[in-house]
Amino acid sequence: MVKLANYNLYTPDGDRSISIKPVHQHLPGSSLNVTGVFKLKEGMVDLGEIVFDDEMRQWEYTGLGDLTHEQALEIATFIQGQVR
C-alpha cells in the first residue's frame, strides 16, 4: 500500500471514516521503501499508528484507546489485504 486509503469502520455508535496514510522512506539508490507504519486519522483527529513487522504479519496499535482492539484488527486486516 503506497497511497492514502480510506476505510469505513461500522460501529454500534455510528460509522467512522478512517484515513490510512502509509509512511515511506526514500533510501539512496532506491525510489521508495515501505516502512510498515500506517498513520490513522479520523478527520483532523490523530488516532495513532498501526505498525507491522518486516513480514506484515504481526502488528501493534499505538493509539491511546481511540480504537478497540477489534477495530484496530479490522483495519490491520484491511491494510494487509492491500499490501499483498
PDB file of N, CA and C in Angstrom:
ATOM      1  N   MET A   1       0.859  -1.169   0.000  1.00  0.00           N
ATOM      2  CA  MET A   1       0.000   0.000   0.000  1.00  0.00           C
ATOM      3  C   MET A   1       0.906   1.233   0.000  1.00  0.00           C
ATOM      4  N   VAL A   2       0.811   2.021  -1.037  1.00  0.00           N
ATOM      5  CA  VAL A   2       1.696   3.175  -1.150  1.00  0.00           C
ATOM      6  C   VAL A   2       0.952   4.508  -1.156  1.00  0.00           C
ATOM      7  N   LYS A   3      -0.356   4.472  -1.271  1.00  0.00           N
ATOM      8  CA  LYS A   3      -1.139   5.704  -1.299  1.00  0.00           C
ATOM      9  C   LYS A   3      -2.101   5.752  -0.122  1.00  0.00           C
ATOM     10  N   LEU A   4      -2.548   6.962   0.185  1.00  0.00           N
ATOM     11  CA  LEU A   4      -3.546   7.174   1.218  1.00  0.00           C
ATOM     12  C   LEU A   4      -4.798   6.371   0.882  1.00  0.00           C
ATOM     13  N   ALA A   5      -5.378   5.729   1.888  1.00  0.00           N
ATOM     14  CA  ALA A   5      -6.614   4.971   1.690  1.00  0.00           C
ATOM     15  C   ALA A   5      -7.610   5.376   2.767  1.00  0.00           C
ATOM     16  N   ASN A   6      -8.872   5.220   2.459  1.00  0.00           N
ATOM     17  CA  ASN A   6      -9.928   5.469   3.429  1.00  0.00           C
ATOM     18  C   ASN A   6     -10.606   4.151   3.758  1.00  0.00           C
ATOM     19  N   TYR A   7     -10.955   4.000   5.019  1.00  0.00           N
ATOM     20  CA  TYR A   7     -11.627   2.785   5.473  1.00  0.00           C
ATOM     21  C   TYR A   7     -12.849   3.184   6.274  1.00  0.00           C
ATOM     22  N   ASN A   8     -13.985   2.597   5.945  1.00  0.00           N
ATOM     23  CA  ASN A   8     -15.214   2.849   6.692  1.00  0.00           C
ATOM     24  C   ASN A   8     -15.347   1.790   7.768  1.00  0.00           C
ATOM     25  N   LEU A   9     -15.369   2.251   8.990  1.00  0.00           N
ATOM     26  CA  LEU A   9     -15.483   1.383  10.154  1.00  0.00           C
ATOM     27  C   LEU A   9     -16.901   1.511  10.681  1.00  0.00           C
ATOM     28  N   TYR A  10     -17.627   0.407  10.678  1.00  0.00           N
ATOM     29  CA  TYR A  10     -19.016   0.422  11.116  1.00  0.00           C
ATOM     30  C   TYR A  10     -19.064  -0.022  12.580  1.00  0.00           C
ATOM     31  N   THR A  11     -19.547   0.855  13.455  1.00  0.00           N
ATOM     32  CA  THR A  11     -19.594   0.571  14.884  1.00  0.00           C
ATOM     33  C   THR A  11     -21.029   0.763  15.386  1.00  0.00           C
ATOM     34  N   PRO A  12     -21.348   0.218  16.559  1.00  0.00           N
ATOM     35  CA  PRO A  12     -22.686   0.429  17.121  1.00  0.00           C
ATOM     36  C   PRO A  12     -22.986   1.906  17.398  1.00  0.00           C
ATOM     37  N   ASP A  13     -21.934   2.705  17.584  1.00  0.00           N
ATOM     38  CA  ASP A  13     -22.113   4.134  17.848  1.00  0.00           C
ATOM     39  C   ASP A  13     -22.192   4.975  16.580  1.00  0.00           C
ATOM     40  N   GLY A  14     -22.087   4.329  15.424  1.00  0.00           N
ATOM     41  CA  GLY A  14     -22.144   5.053  14.159  1.00  0.00           C
ATOM     42  C   GLY A  14     -20.946   4.735  13.291  1.00  0.00           C
ATOM     43  N   ASP A  15     -21.040   5.139  12.049  1.00  0.00           N
ATOM     44  CA  ASP A  15     -19.975   4.891  11.083  1.00  0.00           C
ATOM     45  C   ASP A  15     -18.820   5.854  11.307  1.00  0.00           C
ATOM     46  N   ARG A  16     -17.603   5.341  11.114  1.00  0.00           N
ATOM     47  CA  ARG A  16     -16.404   6.167  11.253  1.00  0.00           C
ATOM     48  C   ARG A  16     -15.594   6.049   9.966  1.00  0.00           C
ATOM     49  N   SER A  17     -15.144   7.165   9.437  1.00  0.00           N
ATOM     50  CA  SER A  17     -14.300   7.183   8.244  1.00  0.00           C
ATOM     51  C   SER A  17     -12.858   7.409   8.686  1.00  0.00           C
ATOM     52  N   ILE A  18     -12.036   6.384   8.503  1.00  0.00           N
ATOM     53  CA  ILE A  18     -10.650   6.403   8.945  1.00  0.00           C
ATOM     54  C   ILE A  18      -9.742   6.537   7.731  1.00  0.00           C
ATOM     55  N   SER A  19      -8.846   7.507   7.749  1.00  0.00           N
ATOM     56  CA  SER A  19      -7.855   7.611   6.674  1.00  0.00           C
ATOM     57  C   SER A  19      -6.584   6.906   7.142  1.00  0.00           C
ATOM     58  N   ILE A  20      -5.981   6.181   6.212  1.00  0.00           N
ATOM     59  CA  ILE A  20      -4.785   5.392   6.489  1.00  0.00           C
ATOM     60  C   ILE A  20      -3.677   5.903   5.573  1.00  0.00           C
ATOM     61  N   LYS A  21      -2.631   6.442   6.179  1.00  0.00           N
ATOM     62  CA  LYS A  21      -1.524   7.002   5.408  1.00  0.00           C
ATOM     63  C   LYS A  21      -0.265   6.172   5.655  1.00  0.00           C
ATOM     64  N   PRO A  22       0.239   5.494   4.605  1.00  0.00           N
ATOM     65  CA  PRO A  22       1.477   4.733   4.779  1.00  0.00           C
ATOM     66  C   PRO A  22       2.675   5.670   4.923  1.00  0.00           C
ATOM     67  N   VAL A  23       3.616   5.278   5.764  1.00  0.00           N
ATOM     68  CA  VAL A  23       4.843   6.051   5.961  1.00  0.00           C
ATOM     69  C   VAL A  23       5.923   5.405   5.106  1.00  0.00           C
ATOM     70  N   HIS A  24       6.586   6.206   4.272  1.00  0.00           N
ATOM     71  CA  HIS A  24       7.627   5.715   3.375  1.00  0.00           C
ATOM     72  C   HIS A  24       8.951   6.395   3.677  1.00  0.00           C
ATOM     73  N   GLN A  25      10.025   5.732   3.273  1.00  0.00           N
ATOM     74  CA  GLN A  25      11.367   6.323   3.342  1.00  0.00           C
ATOM     75  C   GLN A  25      11.967   6.270   1.954  1.00  0.00           C
ATOM     76  N   HIS A  26      12.712   7.290   1.605  1.00  0.00           N
ATOM     77  CA  HIS A  26      13.480   7.282   0.366  1.00  0.00           C
ATOM     78  C   HIS A  26      14.922   6.961   0.735  1.00  0.00           C
ATOM     79  N   LEU A  27      15.386   5.817   0.263  1.00  0.00           N
ATOM     80  CA  LEU A  27      16.749   5.388   0.553  1.00  0.00           C
ATOM     81  C   LEU A  27      17.639   5.648  -0.652  1.00  0.00           C
ATOM     82  N   PRO A  28      18.906   5.944  -0.443  1.00  0.00           N
ATOM     83  CA  PRO A  28      19.818   6.135  -1.573  1.00  0.00           C
ATOM     84  C   PRO A  28      19.842   4.898  -2.469  1.00  0.00           C
ATOM     85  N   GLY A  29      19.713   5.111  -3.750  1.00  0.00           N
ATOM     86  CA  GLY A  29      19.718   4.010  -4.708  1.00  0.00           C
ATOM     87  C   GLY A  29      18.380   3.312  -4.836  1.00  0.00           C
ATOM     88  N   SER A  30      17.388   3.775  -4.114  1.00  0.00           N
ATOM     89  CA  SER A  30      16.059   3.175  -4.149  1.00  0.00           C
ATOM     90  C   SER A  30      15.036   4.296  -4.267  1.00  0.00           C
ATOM     91  N   SER A  31      13.963   4.037  -4.983  1.00  0.00           N
ATOM     92  CA  SER A  31      12.975   5.087  -5.147  1.00  0.00           C
ATOM     93  C   SER A  31      12.021   5.178  -3.956  1.00  0.00           C
ATOM     94  N   LEU A  32      11.696   4.042  -3.330  1.00  0.00           N
ATOM     95  CA  LEU A  32      10.716   4.070  -2.260  1.00  0.00           C
ATOM     96  C   LEU A  32      10.867   2.834  -1.384  1.00  0.00           C
ATOM     97  N   ASN A  33      10.788   3.020  -0.096  1.00  0.00           N
ATOM     98  CA  ASN A  33      10.858   1.912   0.845  1.00  0.00           C
ATOM     99  C   ASN A  33       9.661   1.998   1.779  1.00  0.00           C
ATOM    100  N   VAL A  34       8.858   0.945   1.813  1.00  0.00           N
ATOM    101  CA  VAL A  34       7.704   0.892   2.703  1.00  0.00           C
ATOM    102  C   VAL A  34       8.201   0.515   4.092  1.00  0.00           C
ATOM    103  N   THR A  35       7.752   1.233   5.119  1.00  0.00           N
ATOM    104  CA  THR A  35       8.261   1.026   6.472  1.00  0.00           C
ATOM    105  C   THR A  35       7.411   0.089   7.316  1.00  0.00           C
ATOM    106  N   GLY A  36       6.174  -0.163   6.928  1.00  0.00           N
ATOM    107  CA  GLY A  36       5.278  -0.971   7.751  1.00  0.00           C
ATOM    108  C   GLY A  36       4.543  -0.150   8.795  1.00  0.00           C
ATOM    109  N   VAL A  37       4.664   1.176   8.718  1.00  0.00           N
ATOM    110  CA  VAL A  37       3.981   2.079   9.644  1.00  0.00           C
ATOM    111  C   VAL A  37       2.848   2.773   8.887  1.00  0.00           C
ATOM    112  N   PHE A  38       1.659   2.767   9.498  1.00  0.00           N
ATOM    113  CA  PHE A  38       0.489   3.359   8.871  1.00  0.00           C
ATOM    114  C   PHE A  38      -0.170   4.295   9.876  1.00  0.00           C
ATOM    115  N   LYS A  39      -0.231   5.589   9.534  1.00  0.00           N
ATOM    116  CA  LYS A  39      -0.833   6.606  10.402  1.00  0.00           C
ATOM    117  C   LYS A  39      -2.340   6.631  10.172  1.00  0.00           C
ATOM    118  N   LEU A  40      -3.079   6.667  11.267  1.00  0.00           N
ATOM    119  CA  LEU A  40      -4.540   6.663  11.205  1.00  0.00           C
ATOM    120  C   LEU A  40      -5.092   8.007  11.661  1.00  0.00           C
ATOM    121  N   LYS A  41      -6.085   8.492  10.926  1.00  0.00           N
ATOM    122  CA  LYS A  41      -6.764   9.739  11.293  1.00  0.00           C
ATOM    123  C   LYS A  41      -8.251   9.579  11.050  1.00  0.00           C
ATOM    124  N   GLU A  42      -9.021  10.303  11.854  1.00  0.00           N
ATOM    125  CA  GLU A  42     -10.456  10.409  11.634  1.00  0.00           C
ATOM    126  C   GLU A  42     -10.755  11.899  11.544  1.00  0.00           C
ATOM    127  N   GLY A  43     -10.903  12.378  10.316  1.00  0.00           N
ATOM    128  CA  GLY A  43     -10.997  13.819  10.104  1.00  0.00           C
ATOM    129  C   GLY A  43      -9.660  14.448  10.450  1.00  0.00           C
ATOM    130  N   MET A  44      -9.665  15.376  11.393  1.00  0.00           N
ATOM    131  CA  MET A  44      -8.421  16.022  11.822  1.00  0.00           C
ATOM    132  C   MET A  44      -7.837  15.385  13.083  1.00  0.00           C
ATOM    133  N   VAL A  45      -8.487  14.344  13.591  1.00  0.00           N
ATOM    134  CA  VAL A  45      -8.075  13.709  14.848  1.00  0.00           C
ATOM    135  C   VAL A  45      -7.083  12.578  14.571  1.00  0.00           C
ATOM    136  N   ASP A  46      -5.904  12.678  15.179  1.00  0.00           N
ATOM    137  CA  ASP A  46      -4.889  11.641  15.064  1.00  0.00           C
ATOM    138  C   ASP A  46      -5.292  10.462  15.942  1.00  0.00           C
ATOM    139  N   LEU A  47      -5.364   9.268  15.344  1.00  0.00           N
ATOM    140  CA  LEU A  47      -5.746   8.067  16.081  1.00  0.00           C
ATOM    141  C   LEU A  47      -4.556   7.185  16.419  1.00  0.00           C
ATOM    142  N   GLY A  48      -3.349   7.598  16.068  1.00  0.00           N
ATOM    143  CA  GLY A  48      -2.169   6.775  16.325  1.00  0.00           C
ATOM    144  C   GLY A  48      -1.724   6.052  15.067  1.00  0.00           C
ATOM    145  N   GLU A  49      -1.014   4.961  15.266  1.00  0.00           N
ATOM    146  CA  GLU A  49      -0.445   4.213  14.138  1.00  0.00           C
ATOM    147  C   GLU A  49      -0.666   2.722  14.321  1.00  0.00           C
ATOM    148  N   ILE A  50      -0.723   2.035  13.207  1.00  0.00           N
ATOM    149  CA  ILE A  50      -0.608   0.584  13.200  1.00  0.00           C
ATOM    150  C   ILE A  50       0.762   0.289  12.625  1.00  0.00           C
ATOM    151  N   VAL A  51       1.554  -0.472  13.374  1.00  0.00           N
ATOM    152  CA  VAL A  51       2.932  -0.773  12.996  1.00  0.00           C
ATOM    153  C   VAL A  51       3.061  -2.277  12.806  1.00  0.00           C
ATOM    154  N   PHE A  52       3.533  -2.677  11.626  1.00  0.00           N
ATOM    155  CA  PHE A  52       3.717  -4.090  11.288  1.00  0.00           C
ATOM    156  C   PHE A  52       5.182  -4.482  11.404  1.00  0.00           C
ATOM    157  N   ASP A  53       5.411  -5.791  11.559  1.00  0.00           N
ATOM    158  CA  ASP A  53       6.770  -6.315  11.498  1.00  0.00           C
ATOM    159  C   ASP A  53       7.223  -6.357  10.035  1.00  0.00           C
ATOM    160  N   ASP A  54       8.437  -6.802   9.786  1.00  0.00           N
ATOM    161  CA  ASP A  54       9.000  -6.805   8.428  1.00  0.00           C
ATOM    162  C   ASP A  54       8.220  -7.664   7.443  1.00  0.00           C
ATOM    163  N   GLU A  55       7.520  -8.664   7.938  1.00  0.00           N
ATOM    164  CA  GLU A  55       6.783  -9.577   7.055  1.00  0.00           C
ATOM    165  C   GLU A  55       5.292  -9.245   6.974  1.00  0.00           C
ATOM    166  N   MET A  56       4.893  -8.136   7.596  1.00  0.00           N
ATOM    167  CA  MET A  56       3.498  -7.672   7.587  1.00  0.00           C
ATOM    168  C   MET A  56       2.543  -8.698   8.213  1.00  0.00           C
ATOM    169  N   ARG A  57       3.028  -9.453   9.190  1.00  0.00           N
ATOM    170  CA  ARG A  57       2.170 -10.446   9.847  1.00  0.00           C
ATOM    171  C   ARG A  57       1.738  -9.979  11.225  1.00  0.00           C
ATOM    172  N   GLN A  58       2.686  -9.621  12.058  1.00  0.00           N
ATOM    173  CA  GLN A  58       2.383  -9.148  13.410  1.00  0.00           C
ATOM    174  C   GLN A  58       2.230  -7.631  13.381  1.00  0.00           C
ATOM    175  N   TRP A  59       1.373  -7.104  14.230  1.00  0.00           N
ATOM    176  CA  TRP A  59       1.137  -5.664  14.250  1.00  0.00           C
ATOM    177  C   TRP A  59       0.822  -5.215  15.669  1.00  0.00           C
ATOM    178  N   GLU A  60       0.948  -3.928  15.879  1.00  0.00           N
ATOM    179  CA  GLU A  60       0.509  -3.328  17.125  1.00  0.00           C
ATOM    180  C   GLU A  60      -0.111  -1.972  16.821  1.00  0.00           C
ATOM    181  N   TYR A  61      -1.058  -1.593  17.673  1.00  0.00           N
ATOM    182  CA  TYR A  61      -1.728  -0.306  17.551  1.00  0.00           C
ATOM    183  C   TYR A  61      -1.166   0.609  18.624  1.00  0.00           C
ATOM    184  N   THR A  62      -0.685   1.780  18.215  1.00  0.00           N
ATOM    185  CA  THR A  62      -0.028   2.695  19.155  1.00  0.00           C
ATOM    186  C   THR A  62      -0.948   3.797  19.666  1.00  0.00           C
ATOM    187  N   GLY A  63      -2.211   3.723  19.333  1.00  0.00           N
ATOM    188  CA  GLY A  63      -3.148   4.757  19.761  1.00  0.00           C
ATOM    189  C   GLY A  63      -3.459   4.679  21.242  1.00  0.00           C
ATOM    190  N   LEU A  64      -4.129   5.682  21.733  1.00  0.00           N
ATOM    191  CA  LEU A  64      -4.427   5.776  23.156  1.00  0.00           C
ATOM    192  C   LEU A  64      -5.889   5.447  23.446  1.00  0.00           C
ATOM    193  N   GLY A  65      -6.383   4.364  22.872  1.00  0.00           N
ATOM    194  CA  GLY A  65      -7.733   3.931  23.187  1.00  0.00           C
ATOM    195  C   GLY A  65      -8.812   4.469  22.281  1.00  0.00           C
ATOM    196  N   ASP A  66      -8.453   5.166  21.212  1.00  0.00           N
ATOM    197  CA  ASP A  66      -9.468   5.680  20.299  1.00  0.00           C
ATOM    198  C   ASP A  66     -10.148   4.556  19.510  1.00  0.00           C
ATOM    199  N   LEU A  67      -9.440   3.440  19.345  1.00  0.00           N
ATOM    200  CA  LEU A  67      -9.991   2.267  18.673  1.00  0.00           C
ATOM    201  C   LEU A  67      -9.896   1.078  19.621  1.00  0.00           C
ATOM    202  N   THR A  68     -10.884   0.216  19.583  1.00  0.00           N
ATOM    203  CA  THR A  68     -10.796  -1.017  20.350  1.00  0.00           C
ATOM    204  C   THR A  68      -9.811  -1.951  19.642  1.00  0.00           C
ATOM    205  N   HIS A  69      -9.404  -3.006  20.334  1.00  0.00           N
ATOM    206  CA  HIS A  69      -8.503  -3.977  19.708  1.00  0.00           C
ATOM    207  C   HIS A  69      -9.168  -4.599  18.475  1.00  0.00           C
ATOM    208  N   GLU A  70     -10.454  -4.897  18.562  1.00  0.00           N
ATOM    209  CA  GLU A  70     -11.176  -5.494  17.439  1.00  0.00           C
ATOM    210  C   GLU A  70     -11.233  -4.541  16.247  1.00  0.00           C
ATOM    211  N   GLN A  71     -11.429  -3.250  16.505  1.00  0.00           N
ATOM    212  CA  GLN A  71     -11.461  -2.269  15.422  1.00  0.00           C
ATOM    213  C   GLN A  71     -10.077  -2.118  14.786  1.00  0.00           C
ATOM    214  N   ALA A  72      -9.034  -2.079  15.619  1.00  0.00           N
ATOM    215  CA  ALA A  72      -7.669  -1.998  15.090  1.00  0.00           C
ATOM    216  C   ALA A  72      -7.348  -3.247  14.281  1.00  0.00           C
ATOM    217  N   LEU A  73      -7.792  -4.414  14.740  1.00  0.00           N
ATOM    218  CA  LEU A  73      -7.597  -5.661  13.996  1.00  0.00           C
ATOM    219  C   LEU A  73      -8.271  -5.587  12.633  1.00  0.00           C
ATOM    220  N   GLU A  74      -9.473  -5.063  12.588  1.00  0.00           N
ATOM    221  CA  GLU A  74     -10.206  -4.921  11.330  1.00  0.00           C
ATOM    222  C   GLU A  74      -9.429  -4.033  10.349  1.00  0.00           C
ATOM    223  N   ILE A  75      -8.897  -2.932  10.833  1.00  0.00           N
ATOM    224  CA  ILE A  75      -8.123  -2.025   9.979  1.00  0.00           C
ATOM    225  C   ILE A  75      -6.805  -2.670   9.563  1.00  0.00           C
ATOM    226  N   ALA A  76      -6.130  -3.347  10.489  1.00  0.00           N
ATOM    227  CA  ALA A  76      -4.868  -4.031  10.171  1.00  0.00           C
ATOM    228  C   ALA A  76      -5.091  -5.099   9.108  1.00  0.00           C
ATOM    229  N   THR A  77      -6.185  -5.837   9.210  1.00  0.00           N
ATOM    230  CA  THR A  77      -6.512  -6.860   8.208  1.00  0.00           C
ATOM    231  C   THR A  77      -6.751  -6.223   6.843  1.00  0.00           C
ATOM    232  N   PHE A  78      -7.428  -5.074   6.825  1.00  0.00           N
ATOM    233  CA  PHE A  78      -7.630  -4.335   5.573  1.00  0.00           C
ATOM    234  C   PHE A  78      -6.283  -3.929   4.967  1.00  0.00           C
ATOM    235  N   ILE A  79      -5.394  -3.401   5.786  1.00  0.00           N
ATOM    236  CA  ILE A  79      -4.071  -2.987   5.292  1.00  0.00           C
ATOM    237  C   ILE A  79      -3.314  -4.184   4.721  1.00  0.00           C
ATOM    238  N   GLN A  80      -3.320  -5.284   5.429  1.00  0.00           N
ATOM    239  CA  GLN A  80      -2.636  -6.499   4.950  1.00  0.00           C
ATOM    240  C   GLN A  80      -3.170  -6.928   3.588  1.00  0.00           C
ATOM    241  N   GLY A  81      -4.481  -6.830   3.398  1.00  0.00           N
ATOM    242  CA  GLY A  81      -5.095  -7.187   2.110  1.00  0.00           C
ATOM    243  C   GLY A  81      -4.682  -6.261   0.987  1.00  0.00           C
ATOM    244  N   GLN A  82      -4.381  -5.007   1.299  1.00  0.00           N
ATOM    245  CA  GLN A  82      -3.943  -4.047   0.291  1.00  0.00           C
ATOM    246  C   GLN A  82      -2.491  -4.247  -0.091  1.00  0.00           C
ATOM    247  N   VAL A  83      -1.692  -4.752   0.848  1.00  0.00           N
ATOM    248  CA  VAL A  83      -0.256  -4.901   0.621  1.00  0.00           C
ATOM    249  C   VAL A  83       0.043  -6.166  -0.178  1.00  0.00           C
ATOM    250  N   ARG A  84      -0.711  -7.198   0.045  1.00  0.00           N
ATOM    251  CA  ARG A  84      -0.427  -8.494  -0.592  1.00  0.00           C
ATOM    252  C   ARG A  84      -0.880  -8.566  -1.994  1.00  0.00           C
TER     253      ARG A  84
END
